[in-house]
């Protein structure tokens, strides 16, 4: 407590550089990181639903997510190839 009071009263906080806007809470990087954490919580929720409510074994849930990953990669790959200008030639 004393260190914190001295930090404020001696104005030591002025010597600390502020956080770069790149790492600020509202930056694109931190918003993307937040979206990844929300996605991981959603996947965890889906895994719990598949295993507890529907009764799919754990390995079956992993297989569902593995197939979803493969198909999403396939779709993203096809879309990226379709957007290539050389593909039309």
N, C-alpha and C. Protein backbone atom coordinates (compact mmCIF):
# COMPACT_ATOMS: atom_id res chain seq x y z
N UNK A 1 0.83 -1.18 0.00
CA UNK A 1 0.00 0.00 0.00
C UNK A 1 0.87 1.25 0.00
N UNK A 2 1.93 1.20 0.77
CA UNK A 2 2.83 2.35 0.85
C UNK A 2 3.51 2.60 -0.48
N UNK A 3 3.93 1.53 -1.15
CA UNK A 3 4.58 1.69 -2.46
C UNK A 3 3.65 2.34 -3.47
N UNK A 4 2.38 1.94 -3.43
CA UNK A 4 1.42 2.52 -4.36
C UNK A 4 1.20 4.01 -4.07
N UNK A 5 1.09 4.35 -2.82
CA UNK A 5 0.91 5.76 -2.45
C UNK A 5 2.13 6.58 -2.85
N UNK A 6 3.31 6.03 -2.64
CA UNK A 6 4.54 6.73 -3.06
C UNK A 6 4.60 6.84 -4.59
N UNK A 7 4.15 5.84 -5.28
CA UNK A 7 4.13 5.85 -6.73
C UNK A 7 3.28 7.01 -7.25
N UNK A 8 2.16 7.26 -6.59
CA UNK A 8 1.27 8.35 -6.98
C UNK A 8 1.80 9.69 -6.49
N UNK A 9 2.18 9.75 -5.25
CA UNK A 9 2.59 11.05 -4.68
C UNK A 9 3.91 11.55 -5.27
N UNK A 10 4.83 10.66 -5.57
CA UNK A 10 6.11 11.06 -6.16
C UNK A 10 6.02 11.22 -7.68
N UNK A 11 4.86 10.97 -8.23
CA UNK A 11 4.58 11.07 -9.67
C UNK A 11 5.52 10.20 -10.51
N UNK A 12 5.80 9.01 -10.01
CA UNK A 12 6.62 8.06 -10.75
C UNK A 12 5.88 7.54 -11.98
N UNK A 13 4.58 7.65 -11.99
CA UNK A 13 3.78 7.18 -13.11
C UNK A 13 4.05 7.95 -14.39
N UNK A 14 4.60 9.15 -14.26
CA UNK A 14 4.90 9.95 -15.45
C UNK A 14 6.06 9.37 -16.25
N UNK A 15 6.92 8.60 -15.60
CA UNK A 15 8.08 8.04 -16.30
C UNK A 15 7.75 6.75 -17.06
N UNK A 16 6.55 6.23 -16.90
CA UNK A 16 6.16 5.01 -17.58
C UNK A 16 5.54 5.36 -18.93
N UNK A 17 6.00 4.68 -19.98
CA UNK A 17 5.47 4.93 -21.31
C UNK A 17 4.08 4.33 -21.44
N UNK A 18 3.16 5.03 -22.10
CA UNK A 18 1.81 4.47 -22.27
C UNK A 18 1.82 3.28 -23.23
N UNK A 19 0.80 2.49 -23.14
CA UNK A 19 0.65 1.32 -24.00
C UNK A 19 0.43 1.79 -25.43
N UNK A 20 1.10 1.16 -26.36
CA UNK A 20 0.94 1.50 -27.77
C UNK A 20 -0.50 1.28 -28.20
N UNK A 21 -0.95 2.07 -29.16
CA UNK A 21 -2.32 1.92 -29.64
C UNK A 21 -2.54 0.55 -30.29
N UNK A 22 -1.45 -0.05 -30.76
CA UNK A 22 -1.52 -1.37 -31.37
C UNK A 22 -1.97 -2.42 -30.35
N UNK A 23 -1.60 -2.23 -29.07
CA UNK A 23 -1.96 -3.18 -28.02
C UNK A 23 -3.07 -2.65 -27.13
N UNK A 24 -3.70 -1.56 -27.51
CA UNK A 24 -4.81 -1.00 -26.74
C UNK A 24 -6.02 -1.93 -26.77
N UNK A 25 -6.91 -1.79 -25.80
CA UNK A 25 -8.07 -2.69 -25.72
C UNK A 25 -9.00 -2.63 -26.93
N UNK A 26 -9.06 -1.50 -27.61
CA UNK A 26 -9.98 -1.39 -28.75
C UNK A 26 -9.27 -1.56 -30.09
N UNK A 27 -8.02 -1.99 -30.09
CA UNK A 27 -7.29 -2.15 -31.34
C UNK A 27 -7.77 -3.41 -32.08
N UNK A 28 -7.43 -3.49 -33.35
CA UNK A 28 -7.80 -4.64 -34.16
C UNK A 28 -7.20 -5.93 -33.60
N UNK A 29 -5.95 -5.85 -33.15
CA UNK A 29 -5.26 -7.02 -32.62
C UNK A 29 -5.97 -7.57 -31.38
N UNK A 30 -6.31 -6.70 -30.46
CA UNK A 30 -6.96 -7.15 -29.23
C UNK A 30 -8.41 -7.58 -29.48
N UNK A 31 -9.07 -6.95 -30.43
CA UNK A 31 -10.43 -7.38 -30.78
C UNK A 31 -10.39 -8.76 -31.41
N UNK A 32 -9.39 -9.02 -32.23
CA UNK A 32 -9.24 -10.35 -32.84
C UNK A 32 -8.93 -11.40 -31.78
N UNK A 33 -8.09 -11.03 -30.83
CA UNK A 33 -7.75 -11.95 -29.74
C UNK A 33 -9.00 -12.27 -28.91
N UNK A 34 -9.81 -11.28 -28.66
CA UNK A 34 -11.05 -11.48 -27.92
C UNK A 34 -11.99 -12.41 -28.69
N UNK A 35 -12.07 -12.23 -30.00
CA UNK A 35 -12.92 -13.09 -30.82
C UNK A 35 -12.44 -14.54 -30.78
N UNK A 36 -11.12 -14.74 -30.75
CA UNK A 36 -10.59 -16.11 -30.66
C UNK A 36 -10.95 -16.75 -29.32
N UNK A 37 -10.87 -15.98 -28.25
CA UNK A 37 -11.26 -16.51 -26.95
C UNK A 37 -12.75 -16.83 -26.91
N UNK A 38 -13.57 -15.99 -27.51
CA UNK A 38 -15.00 -16.26 -27.55
C UNK A 38 -15.29 -17.50 -28.39
N UNK A 39 -14.55 -17.67 -29.48
CA UNK A 39 -14.71 -18.86 -30.31
C UNK A 39 -14.34 -20.11 -29.53
N UNK A 40 -13.26 -20.05 -28.76
CA UNK A 40 -12.85 -21.22 -27.99
C UNK A 40 -13.88 -21.58 -26.93
N UNK A 41 -14.51 -20.56 -26.32
CA UNK A 41 -15.57 -20.84 -25.34
C UNK A 41 -16.80 -21.43 -26.02
N UNK A 42 -17.11 -20.97 -27.23
CA UNK A 42 -18.24 -21.52 -27.97
C UNK A 42 -17.97 -22.99 -28.34
N UNK A 43 -16.75 -23.28 -28.76
CA UNK A 43 -16.39 -24.67 -29.11
C UNK A 43 -16.48 -25.55 -27.86
N UNK A 44 -16.03 -25.03 -26.73
CA UNK A 44 -16.12 -25.79 -25.47
C UNK A 44 -17.59 -26.05 -25.12
N UNK A 45 -18.44 -25.04 -25.31
CA UNK A 45 -19.86 -25.20 -25.03
C UNK A 45 -20.47 -26.27 -25.96
N UNK A 46 -20.11 -26.21 -27.24
CA UNK A 46 -20.61 -27.20 -28.20
C UNK A 46 -20.14 -28.60 -27.86
N UNK A 47 -18.90 -28.72 -27.44
CA UNK A 47 -18.36 -30.02 -27.04
C UNK A 47 -19.15 -30.58 -25.86
N UNK A 48 -19.41 -29.73 -24.87
CA UNK A 48 -20.20 -30.16 -23.72
C UNK A 48 -21.61 -30.56 -24.12
N UNK A 49 -22.21 -29.81 -25.03
CA UNK A 49 -23.57 -30.15 -25.50
C UNK A 49 -23.57 -31.49 -26.23
N UNK A 50 -22.59 -31.69 -27.11
CA UNK A 50 -22.54 -32.94 -27.87
C UNK A 50 -22.32 -34.14 -26.96
N UNK A 51 -21.46 -34.00 -25.97
CA UNK A 51 -21.13 -35.16 -25.12
C UNK A 51 -22.15 -35.37 -24.01
N UNK A 52 -22.68 -34.29 -23.41
CA UNK A 52 -23.57 -34.45 -22.27
C UNK A 52 -25.03 -34.56 -22.66
N UNK A 53 -25.50 -33.73 -23.57
CA UNK A 53 -26.92 -33.72 -23.90
C UNK A 53 -27.28 -34.73 -24.98
N UNK A 54 -26.47 -34.80 -26.02
CA UNK A 54 -26.77 -35.71 -27.12
C UNK A 54 -26.24 -37.11 -26.85
N UNK A 55 -25.14 -37.21 -26.10
CA UNK A 55 -24.60 -38.51 -25.76
C UNK A 55 -23.54 -39.03 -26.70
N UNK A 56 -23.00 -38.15 -27.53
CA UNK A 56 -21.91 -38.55 -28.43
C UNK A 56 -20.66 -38.78 -27.59
N UNK A 57 -19.91 -39.86 -27.85
CA UNK A 57 -18.67 -40.05 -27.10
C UNK A 57 -17.67 -38.92 -27.37
N UNK A 58 -16.72 -38.77 -26.49
CA UNK A 58 -15.74 -37.68 -26.61
C UNK A 58 -15.00 -37.77 -27.93
N UNK A 59 -14.59 -38.97 -28.31
CA UNK A 59 -13.87 -39.10 -29.58
C UNK A 59 -14.76 -38.71 -30.75
N UNK A 60 -16.07 -38.95 -30.65
CA UNK A 60 -16.99 -38.55 -31.70
C UNK A 60 -17.09 -37.04 -31.82
N UNK A 61 -17.09 -36.38 -30.66
CA UNK A 61 -17.11 -34.91 -30.68
C UNK A 61 -15.84 -34.37 -31.32
N UNK A 62 -14.70 -34.97 -30.98
CA UNK A 62 -13.44 -34.55 -31.61
C UNK A 62 -13.48 -34.78 -33.12
N UNK A 63 -14.08 -35.88 -33.53
CA UNK A 63 -14.19 -36.16 -34.97
C UNK A 63 -15.07 -35.13 -35.66
N UNK A 64 -16.15 -34.70 -35.00
CA UNK A 64 -17.02 -33.68 -35.58
C UNK A 64 -16.24 -32.39 -35.77
N UNK A 65 -15.47 -31.98 -34.75
CA UNK A 65 -14.69 -30.75 -34.86
C UNK A 65 -13.56 -30.88 -35.89
N UNK A 66 -12.97 -32.06 -35.99
CA UNK A 66 -11.92 -32.26 -36.98
C UNK A 66 -12.51 -32.15 -38.40
N UNK A 67 -13.66 -32.75 -38.62
CA UNK A 67 -14.30 -32.64 -39.94
C UNK A 67 -14.73 -31.21 -40.24
N UNK A 68 -15.24 -30.51 -39.22
CA UNK A 68 -15.62 -29.11 -39.42
C UNK A 68 -14.40 -28.26 -39.78
N UNK A 69 -13.27 -28.56 -39.15
CA UNK A 69 -12.03 -27.84 -39.46
C UNK A 69 -11.59 -28.12 -40.90
N UNK A 70 -11.64 -29.38 -41.30
CA UNK A 70 -11.25 -29.73 -42.67
C UNK A 70 -12.15 -29.08 -43.70
N UNK A 71 -13.46 -29.13 -43.47
CA UNK A 71 -14.39 -28.55 -44.43
C UNK A 71 -14.29 -27.03 -44.49
N UNK A 72 -14.09 -26.39 -43.33
CA UNK A 72 -13.93 -24.93 -43.36
C UNK A 72 -12.64 -24.54 -44.08
N UNK A 73 -11.59 -25.34 -43.92
CA UNK A 73 -10.35 -25.09 -44.66
C UNK A 73 -10.55 -25.28 -46.15
N UNK A 74 -11.33 -26.29 -46.51
CA UNK A 74 -11.63 -26.54 -47.92
C UNK A 74 -12.41 -25.37 -48.52
N UNK A 75 -13.41 -24.91 -47.81
CA UNK A 75 -14.23 -23.79 -48.29
C UNK A 75 -13.38 -22.52 -48.40
N UNK A 76 -12.59 -22.23 -47.37
CA UNK A 76 -11.73 -21.04 -47.42
C UNK A 76 -10.71 -21.13 -48.55
N UNK A 77 -10.18 -22.31 -48.78
CA UNK A 77 -9.23 -22.50 -49.88
C UNK A 77 -9.89 -22.29 -51.23
N UNK A 78 -11.09 -22.82 -51.39
CA UNK A 78 -11.81 -22.62 -52.66
C UNK A 78 -12.17 -21.16 -52.88
N UNK A 79 -12.59 -20.48 -51.82
CA UNK A 79 -12.93 -19.06 -51.95
C UNK A 79 -11.69 -18.25 -52.28
N UNK A 80 -10.57 -18.55 -51.63
CA UNK A 80 -9.35 -17.79 -51.91
C UNK A 80 -8.86 -18.04 -53.34
N UNK A 81 -9.03 -19.25 -53.84
CA UNK A 81 -8.65 -19.53 -55.22
C UNK A 81 -9.60 -18.85 -56.20
N UNK A 82 -10.87 -18.78 -55.86
CA UNK A 82 -11.84 -18.14 -56.73
C UNK A 82 -11.58 -16.64 -56.80
N UNK A 83 -11.03 -16.07 -55.76
CA UNK A 83 -10.76 -14.64 -55.74
C UNK A 83 -9.43 -14.29 -56.40
N UNK A 84 -8.64 -15.27 -56.75
CA UNK A 84 -7.37 -15.05 -57.44
C UNK A 84 -7.64 -14.54 -58.85
N UNK A 85 -6.99 -13.49 -59.29
CA UNK A 85 -7.23 -13.02 -60.64
C UNK A 85 -6.72 -13.97 -61.72
N UNK A 86 -5.67 -14.74 -61.40
CA UNK A 86 -5.11 -15.67 -62.38
C UNK A 86 -6.03 -16.85 -62.65
N UNK A 87 -6.92 -17.14 -61.72
CA UNK A 87 -7.81 -18.28 -61.87
C UNK A 87 -8.79 -18.07 -63.03
N UNK A 88 -9.13 -16.83 -63.29
CA UNK A 88 -10.09 -16.53 -64.35
C UNK A 88 -9.46 -16.65 -65.73
N UNK A 89 -8.16 -16.60 -65.83
CA UNK A 89 -7.50 -16.61 -67.14
C UNK A 89 -7.42 -18.00 -67.72
